[in-house]
Amino acid sequence: MMPERAEVEAAAGIAIGDTFFAPEYSTENYTDDCDWCGGDHSVRVATGHHLTCSFCRFGTIQKKRIGNPTARTLTVGQIRILAGKAETKMEFMAYETGVGSGTVYTWGDRAFATAAEAVAAARGTVARLRGEILDRNKELEAKMADEAKATEEG
């Protein structure tokens, strides 16, 4: 038997038409000269050999700016309570992003009661993404160092 709307809203502590906050951040993709080869797509190593730059594509590199953590105010359009053996999870869909075929927001993950909580979550996501970019750059640096060493030894 399906629970009545009032029962679902009471269990969720939120009702259709109420507002909640979702974390957001801005991204911008852009192209820039490669930091490693200066746009030459070639790097000179100690032996005088030139290596193709591992970081870029023809002297340019795609970069991404991530920042400006914010909170977006959304209106509850649908509430779903998923009760499993281990846990119960609340999900929402918002009128602004589409009910039925839009974005699903999970309470405490992508849906918050206050803007401050949503901004804090967005800051955490931005920090994680920036860390992933730094890790990727370190991997590329190591790869380039290995290529330079192999060329010098060969």
Foldseek 3Di string as FASTA:
>chain_A
DDDDQVVLCVVVVHHQFDKWKFKDKDKDKDKDFDPAPRQCQWDAFPVRDIDRQLQDDNGMHIDMDIGDIWIDIFGFHDWDWDDDPVDIWIWTDGPVQDDPPGDIATEPQGIHHDGVSNSVNNVVVSVVVVVVVVVVVVVSVVVVVVVSVVVVVD
